[in-house]
Amino acid sequence: MVMTKIRLLVVDDHPVVRAGLRMLLNGQADMEVIGEAADGVSAVARVRELHPDVVIMDITMEGADGLAATREIKKYRPETKVLVLSMHDSEEYLRQMLKAGATGYVLKEAADTELAVAIRAVYRGEVFIYPSFTRVVLGELVQGEGAGHPQPDSYELLSQREKQVLRLLALGHTNQQIADLLFLSVKTVMTHRANIMEKLDLH
């Protein structure tokens, strides 16, 4: 049986970065880099031409940036997932890219360990946020209905185990995978998820 490969488009204005990513990703049995682009304009054109499953998108590039390109790609082809791969450890960039339609954000410094996991997660329709940003995303969500102001200490309400579960959820793991990694039953993981949502007032 032939494995269906995840078709990838790599967008970065540095040729050496694109070459390195192509080598890294083509080394994965379930992935194939089908094209490259050096800026936002050519990225949109390549998406129209190649119909990739996932676009690996840099943010700051010469010419049109990744933000504008992401908006255009999602407008033209909503089913194509956009995964940000950036050197910017920036909350503002994260917020803007998620708003534009990206479903993942990975830092370049962690590409060798996190990128393949992130690609598989967004391809499955999940959201992948690099772990250091988990708190940022929660901060956006934890407003407390009607309270009108953030509750930054809500994260501290979680037990160590709940924080572990939350981090793995942020990495795109399923309940079953989390159960296997933490040596728990799936039912226990689901209980932790419910507790996390209650403590953080997420609906």
Protein backbone atom coordinates (compact mmCIF):
# COMPACT_ATOMS: atom_id res chain seq x y z
CA MET A 1 0.00 0.00 0.00
CA VAL A 2 1.42 3.39 -1.03
CA MET A 3 1.57 5.97 1.75
CA THR A 4 -0.12 9.29 0.99
CA LYS A 5 2.51 11.96 1.50
CA ILE A 6 1.83 15.40 2.94
CA ARG A 7 2.55 17.83 0.07
CA LEU A 8 4.55 20.83 1.28
CA LEU A 9 5.40 24.29 -0.05
CA VAL A 10 8.39 26.00 1.62
CA VAL A 11 8.34 29.81 1.70
CA ASP A 12 11.48 31.66 2.86
CA ASP A 13 13.62 34.39 1.31
CA HIS A 14 16.90 32.65 2.15
CA PRO A 15 17.88 29.93 -0.39
CA VAL A 16 20.03 28.10 2.17
CA VAL A 17 17.09 27.89 4.60
CA ARG A 18 14.84 26.50 1.85
CA ALA A 19 17.48 23.95 0.89
CA GLY A 20 17.91 22.85 4.51
CA LEU A 21 14.15 22.53 5.02
CA ARG A 22 13.77 20.55 1.80
CA MET A 23 16.44 18.10 2.97
CA LEU A 24 14.96 17.86 6.48
CA LEU A 25 11.37 17.36 5.33
CA ASN A 26 12.02 15.06 2.37
CA GLY A 27 13.80 12.83 4.89
CA GLN A 28 10.40 12.18 6.52
CA ALA A 29 8.68 9.11 5.10
CA ASP A 30 5.27 10.81 5.01
CA MET A 31 6.29 14.20 3.57
CA GLU A 32 7.30 15.65 0.21
CA VAL A 33 8.38 19.20 -0.62
CA ILE A 34 6.65 19.92 -3.95
CA GLY A 35 7.75 23.53 -4.34
CA GLU A 36 9.46 26.62 -2.93
CA ALA A 37 8.87 30.37 -2.93
CA ALA A 38 11.08 33.29 -1.91
CA ASP A 39 8.37 35.83 -1.05
CA GLY A 40 4.68 36.25 -0.38
CA VAL A 41 3.62 37.03 -3.93
CA SER A 42 5.29 33.96 -5.42
CA ALA A 43 3.98 31.89 -2.49
CA VAL A 44 0.38 32.71 -3.45
CA ALA A 45 1.15 31.94 -7.10
CA ARG A 46 2.71 28.59 -6.18
CA VAL A 47 -0.30 27.64 -4.04
CA ARG A 48 -2.59 28.34 -7.01
CA GLU A 49 -0.36 26.21 -9.23
CA LEU A 50 0.55 23.30 -6.92
CA HIS A 51 -2.30 23.02 -4.36
CA PRO A 52 -0.07 21.97 -1.42
CA ASP A 53 -1.53 20.47 1.76
CA VAL A 54 0.65 22.60 4.06
CA VAL A 55 2.60 25.83 3.46
CA ILE A 56 5.67 26.39 5.68
CA MET A 57 5.60 30.21 5.89
CA ASP A 58 8.26 32.67 7.00
CA ILE A 59 6.91 36.03 8.21
CA THR A 60 9.47 38.71 7.36
CA MET A 61 10.62 38.53 3.73
CA GLU A 62 11.66 40.96 1.00
CA GLY A 63 8.58 42.03 -0.94
CA ALA A 64 5.20 40.81 0.30
CA ASP A 65 5.44 39.38 3.80
CA GLY A 66 4.08 36.15 5.20
CA LEU A 67 1.11 37.85 6.85
CA ALA A 68 -0.32 39.21 3.59
CA ALA A 69 0.46 35.94 1.79
CA THR A 70 -1.32 33.89 4.47
CA ARG A 71 -4.47 36.01 4.13
CA GLU A 72 -4.44 35.58 0.34
CA ILE A 73 -3.80 31.84 0.50
CA LYS A 74 -6.62 31.24 3.00
CA LYS A 75 -8.97 33.37 0.88
CA TYR A 76 -8.14 31.48 -2.32
CA ARG A 77 -7.70 27.98 -0.91
CA PRO A 78 -9.01 27.57 2.66
CA GLU A 79 -8.18 23.86 2.78
CA THR A 80 -4.44 24.57 2.50
CA LYS A 81 -2.95 24.81 6.00
CA VAL A 82 -0.41 27.52 6.80
CA LEU A 83 2.29 26.75 9.39
CA VAL A 84 4.51 29.66 10.45
CA LEU A 85 8.23 28.95 10.79
CA SER A 86 9.84 32.09 12.13
CA MET A 87 12.87 33.37 14.02
CA HIS A 88 10.55 35.81 15.83
CA ASP A 89 9.65 34.73 19.36
CA SER A 90 6.95 37.40 19.31
CA GLU A 91 3.47 37.34 20.83
CA GLU A 92 2.32 40.03 18.40
CA TYR A 93 3.43 38.05 15.33
CA LEU A 94 1.70 34.98 16.75
CA ARG A 95 -1.58 36.84 17.23
CA GLN A 96 -1.43 38.41 13.76
CA MET A 97 -0.64 35.15 11.98
CA LEU A 98 -3.39 33.22 13.77
CA LYS A 99 -5.83 36.01 12.89
CA ALA A 100 -4.72 35.80 9.25
CA GLY A 101 -5.58 32.08 9.18
CA ALA A 102 -2.39 30.23 10.14
CA THR A 103 -2.95 27.13 12.28
CA GLY A 104 0.56 26.66 13.65
CA TYR A 105 3.65 28.56 14.80
CA VAL A 106 7.12 27.05 15.23
CA LEU A 107 10.40 28.82 15.97
CA LYS A 108 13.27 28.19 13.54
CA GLU A 109 15.58 27.30 16.41
CA ALA A 110 13.32 24.32 17.18
CA ALA A 111 12.72 23.25 13.57
CA ASP A 112 14.74 20.06 13.82
CA THR A 113 12.67 18.72 16.72
CA GLU A 114 9.25 20.36 16.35
CA LEU A 115 8.61 21.02 12.66
CA ALA A 116 7.65 17.52 11.50
CA VAL A 117 5.34 17.09 14.52
CA ALA A 118 3.75 20.48 13.79
CA ILE A 119 3.22 19.67 10.10
CA ARG A 120 1.43 16.43 10.94
CA ALA A 121 -0.74 18.22 13.53
CA VAL A 122 -1.93 21.01 11.22
CA TYR A 123 -2.41 18.50 8.38
CA ARG A 124 -4.81 16.59 10.69
CA GLY A 125 -6.73 19.81 11.24
CA GLU A 126 -5.27 20.56 14.66
CA VAL A 127 -3.60 23.75 15.90
CA PHE A 128 0.10 23.60 16.82
CA ILE A 129 1.58 26.38 18.94
CA TYR A 130 5.20 26.22 20.03
CA PRO A 131 5.14 25.41 23.79
CA SER A 132 6.62 28.72 24.97
CA PHE A 133 3.58 30.44 23.44
CA THR A 134 0.99 28.28 25.21
CA ARG A 135 0.56 30.81 27.98
CA VAL A 136 0.14 33.63 25.44
CA VAL A 137 -2.68 31.80 23.69
CA LEU A 138 -4.33 31.01 27.02
CA GLY A 139 -4.01 34.65 27.99
CA GLU A 140 -6.01 35.52 24.89
CA LEU A 141 -8.71 33.02 25.83
CA VAL A 142 -8.85 33.40 29.59
CA GLN A 143 -10.87 36.59 29.81
CA GLY A 144 -13.61 35.33 32.10
CA GLU A 145 -17.00 35.85 30.44
CA GLY A 146 -18.14 39.39 31.18
CA ALA A 147 -15.16 40.11 33.41
CA GLY A 148 -13.58 42.26 30.72
CA HIS A 149 -10.02 41.77 31.92
CA PRO A 150 -7.43 39.00 31.73
CA GLN A 151 -6.73 36.72 34.66
CA PRO A 152 -3.00 36.07 34.29
CA ASP A 153 -2.81 33.83 37.35
CA SER A 154 -5.35 31.31 36.05
CA TYR A 155 -2.51 29.21 34.66
CA GLU A 156 -1.17 28.79 38.20
CA LEU A 157 -4.42 27.11 39.24
CA LEU A 158 -3.41 24.05 37.23
CA SER A 159 -1.71 21.10 38.89
CA GLN A 160 1.65 19.90 37.54
CA ARG A 161 -0.09 17.02 35.78
CA GLU A 162 -2.64 19.36 34.19
CA LYS A 163 0.19 21.59 32.95
CA GLN A 164 1.82 18.52 31.39
CA VAL A 165 -1.43 17.59 29.66
CA LEU A 166 -1.95 21.19 28.50
CA ARG A 167 1.55 21.36 27.02
CA LEU A 168 1.02 18.09 25.11
CA LEU A 169 -2.33 19.36 23.84
CA ALA A 170 -0.57 22.51 22.63
CA LEU A 171 1.92 20.26 20.79
CA GLY A 172 -0.97 18.71 18.90
CA HIS A 173 -1.11 15.32 20.64
CA THR A 174 -4.36 13.31 20.80
CA ASN A 175 -5.89 12.04 24.06
CA GLN A 176 -4.53 8.56 23.28
CA GLN A 177 -1.00 9.84 22.62
CA ILE A 178 -1.02 11.87 25.84
CA ALA A 179 -2.23 8.82 27.75
CA ASP A 180 0.64 6.76 26.31
CA LEU A 181 3.26 9.44 27.01
CA LEU A 182 2.17 10.04 30.62
CA PHE A 183 1.25 6.41 31.37
CA LEU A 184 -2.38 7.30 32.06
CA SER A 185 -5.72 5.99 30.84
CA VAL A 186 -7.53 7.92 28.12
CA LYS A 187 -10.37 8.50 30.59
CA THR A 188 -7.96 10.16 33.04
CA VAL A 189 -6.59 12.40 30.28
CA MET A 190 -10.14 13.46 29.37
CA THR A 191 -10.80 14.26 33.04
CA HIS A 192 -7.66 16.42 33.13
CA ARG A 193 -8.81 18.21 29.96
CA ALA A 194 -12.20 18.92 31.52
CA ASN A 195 -10.52 20.24 34.69
CA ILE A 196 -8.18 22.46 32.64
CA MET A 197 -11.09 23.96 30.74
CA GLU A 198 -13.02 24.59 33.94
CA LYS A 199 -10.07 26.18 35.79
CA LEU A 200 -9.19 28.40 32.82
CA ASP A 201 -12.82 29.23 32.08
CA LEU A 202 -12.55 27.97 28.50
CA HIS A 203 -15.75 27.08 26.68
